[in-house]
Each structure stands twice: as C-alpha cells, then as structure tokens.
Amino acid sequence: MTQSYLSMIGRRQGRDIMQLGKTESGQLMRWSCSQIKPQSFSWRGQLSTDNGVVRHTNVEFSARGAVVQGKPWLASAAAASFP
C-alpha cells in the first residue's frame, strides 16, 4: 500500500466547490464539485502539467444519495477514468 498526503485549498466558486493543490510530482490539481443538489452532485478531477494553461480531466464521478434512518448515505456512484 502506498500512502500520500495532498494539501488542497477549497472554496466556493458560484454554485460549485473548487479545490486546488499540487500532486506529489508537482502537477497542478483541481477537484470540482458541480451540479450540487440535495441528493446528488458531479465531481471532476483535473491535472495540468503547464501551470494551469491546459487542464486534463483524469476522473469524473456522478453521485446520488439518499437519507436512511435520518442519516445521509451514498446510494450510487458512477465513475469514468481518462488516461
């Protein structure tokens, strides 16, 4: 098992949540949560090797949730990874 530690700064950007940081190899990394609704959201991970000029999506998730016995619960998630 390999462990890594990433430090990111998150903030609201309009209706979305944006987290910015760097990978262990120094690539700029951006995680964004968008289309946020009470029961669902979309999450995208992007990397940049040219200081943010071009960002490449490396993963996307669509998540749907539910409330079970008064507690939030992730009901399903679909993911797509990109090279």
C-alpha atoms as a PDB file:
ATOM      1  CA  MET A   1       0.000   0.000   0.000  1.00  0.00           C
ATOM      2  CA  THR A   2       1.235   3.482  -0.866  1.00  0.00           C
ATOM      3  CA  GLN A   3       0.197   6.452   1.212  1.00  0.00           C
ATOM      4  CA  SER A   4       0.267  10.023   0.045  1.00  0.00           C
ATOM      5  CA  TYR A   5      -0.692  13.340   1.558  1.00  0.00           C
ATOM      6  CA  LEU A   6      -2.171  16.123  -0.541  1.00  0.00           C
ATOM      7  CA  SER A   7      -2.813  19.624   0.714  1.00  0.00           C
ATOM      8  CA  MET A   8      -5.583  21.474  -1.099  1.00  0.00           C
ATOM      9  CA  ILE A   9      -7.405  24.744  -0.636  1.00  0.00           C
ATOM     10  CA  GLY A  10     -11.150  24.634  -1.206  1.00  0.00           C
ATOM     11  CA  ARG A  11     -13.577  27.446  -1.800  1.00  0.00           C
ATOM     12  CA  ARG A  12     -16.949  28.181  -3.249  1.00  0.00           C
ATOM     13  CA  GLN A  13     -17.000  29.320  -6.855  1.00  0.00           C
ATOM     14  CA  GLY A  14     -20.522  30.370  -7.766  1.00  0.00           C
ATOM     15  CA  ARG A  15     -22.675  27.303  -7.065  1.00  0.00           C
ATOM     16  CA  ASP A  16     -19.707  24.925  -7.235  1.00  0.00           C
ATOM     17  CA  ILE A  17     -16.977  23.867  -4.812  1.00  0.00           C
ATOM     18  CA  MET A  18     -13.407  24.082  -6.128  1.00  0.00           C
ATOM     19  CA  GLN A  19     -10.320  22.537  -4.501  1.00  0.00           C
ATOM     20  CA  LEU A  20      -6.835  23.429  -5.755  1.00  0.00           C
ATOM     21  CA  GLY A  21      -3.476  21.871  -4.956  1.00  0.00           C
ATOM     22  CA  LYS A  22      -0.454  20.025  -6.348  1.00  0.00           C
ATOM     23  CA  THR A  23       0.344  16.364  -6.744  1.00  0.00           C
ATOM     24  CA  GLU A  24       3.478  14.875  -5.198  1.00  0.00           C
ATOM     25  CA  SER A  25       5.169  15.267  -8.607  1.00  0.00           C
ATOM     26  CA  GLY A  26       4.255  18.980  -8.783  1.00  0.00           C
ATOM     27  CA  GLN A  27       1.371  18.856 -11.264  1.00  0.00           C
ATOM     28  CA  LEU A  28      -1.428  21.331 -10.593  1.00  0.00           C
ATOM     29  CA  MET A  29      -4.547  19.517  -9.474  1.00  0.00           C
ATOM     30  CA  ARG A  30      -8.140  20.751  -9.418  1.00  0.00           C
ATOM     31  CA  TRP A  31     -11.116  18.924  -7.974  1.00  0.00           C
ATOM     32  CA  SER A  32     -14.529  20.411  -8.589  1.00  0.00           C
ATOM     33  CA  CYS A  33     -17.990  19.511  -7.326  1.00  0.00           C
ATOM     34  CA  SER A  34     -20.774  20.864  -9.506  1.00  0.00           C
ATOM     35  CA  GLN A  35     -24.461  20.364 -10.213  1.00  0.00           C
ATOM     36  CA  ILE A  36     -24.869  20.131  -6.443  1.00  0.00           C
ATOM     37  CA  LYS A  37     -28.384  19.183  -5.383  1.00  0.00           C
ATOM     38  CA  PRO A  38     -29.742  17.814  -2.094  1.00  0.00           C
ATOM     39  CA  GLN A  39     -29.496  14.226  -3.363  1.00  0.00           C
ATOM     40  CA  SER A  40     -26.724  14.327  -6.000  1.00  0.00           C
ATOM     41  CA  PHE A  41     -23.592  16.010  -7.334  1.00  0.00           C
ATOM     42  CA  SER A  42     -20.917  15.660 -10.014  1.00  0.00           C
ATOM     43  CA  TRP A  43     -17.210  15.546  -9.164  1.00  0.00           C
ATOM     44  CA  ARG A  44     -14.326  16.047 -11.620  1.00  0.00           C
ATOM     45  CA  GLY A  45     -10.592  15.673 -11.088  1.00  0.00           C
ATOM     46  CA  GLN A  46      -8.235  17.525 -13.422  1.00  0.00           C
ATOM     47  CA  LEU A  47      -4.447  17.758 -13.769  1.00  0.00           C
ATOM     48  CA  SER A  48      -2.195  20.286 -15.504  1.00  0.00           C
ATOM     49  CA  THR A  49       1.474  19.961 -16.424  1.00  0.00           C
ATOM     50  CA  ASP A  50       1.786  23.505 -17.856  1.00  0.00           C
ATOM     51  CA  ASN A  51       0.915  25.648 -14.818  1.00  0.00           C
ATOM     52  CA  GLY A  52      -2.834  25.625 -15.466  1.00  0.00           C
ATOM     53  CA  VAL A  53      -2.878  26.668 -19.133  1.00  0.00           C
ATOM     54  CA  VAL A  54      -4.431  23.334 -20.141  1.00  0.00           C
ATOM     55  CA  ARG A  55      -6.235  21.038 -17.714  1.00  0.00           C
ATOM     56  CA  HIS A  56      -6.840  17.389 -18.496  1.00  0.00           C
ATOM     57  CA  THR A  57      -9.760  15.585 -16.878  1.00  0.00           C
ATOM     58  CA  ASN A  58      -8.488  12.357 -15.368  1.00  0.00           C
ATOM     59  CA  VAL A  59     -11.618  11.226 -13.489  1.00  0.00           C
ATOM     60  CA  GLU A  60     -15.329  12.072 -13.251  1.00  0.00           C
ATOM     61  CA  PHE A  61     -17.938  10.844 -10.791  1.00  0.00           C
ATOM     62  CA  SER A  62     -21.696  11.239 -10.654  1.00  0.00           C
ATOM     63  CA  ALA A  63     -23.038  10.526  -7.181  1.00  0.00           C
ATOM     64  CA  ARG A  64     -26.587  10.057  -5.942  1.00  0.00           C
ATOM     65  CA  GLY A  65     -27.531   9.825  -2.321  1.00  0.00           C
ATOM     66  CA  ALA A  66     -30.412   9.146  -0.032  1.00  0.00           C
ATOM     67  CA  VAL A  67     -31.328   9.663   3.593  1.00  0.00           C
ATOM     68  CA  VAL A  68     -31.549   6.404   5.519  1.00  0.00           C
ATOM     69  CA  GLN A  69     -32.770   6.490   9.109  1.00  0.00           C
ATOM     70  CA  GLY A  70     -32.141  10.228   9.204  1.00  0.00           C
ATOM     71  CA  LYS A  71     -28.519   9.991   8.012  1.00  0.00           C
ATOM     72  CA  PRO A  72     -27.047  10.806   4.586  1.00  0.00           C
ATOM     73  CA  TRP A  73     -25.987   7.753   2.643  1.00  0.00           C
ATOM     74  CA  LEU A  74     -24.263   7.428  -0.754  1.00  0.00           C
ATOM     75  CA  ALA A  75     -26.646   5.269  -2.766  1.00  0.00           C
ATOM     76  CA  SER A  76     -24.744   5.034  -6.033  1.00  0.00           C
ATOM     77  CA  ALA A  77     -21.802   6.467  -7.913  1.00  0.00           C
ATOM     78  CA  ALA A  78     -20.661   6.131 -11.492  1.00  0.00           C
ATOM     79  CA  ALA A  79     -17.063   6.858 -12.435  1.00  0.00           C
ATOM     80  CA  ALA A  80     -15.093   7.321 -15.601  1.00  0.00           C
ATOM     81  CA  SER A  81     -11.292   7.475 -15.707  1.00  0.00           C
ATOM     82  CA  PHE A  82      -9.309   9.023 -18.514  1.00  0.00           C
ATOM     83  CA  PRO A  83      -5.670   8.402 -19.443  1.00  0.00           C
END
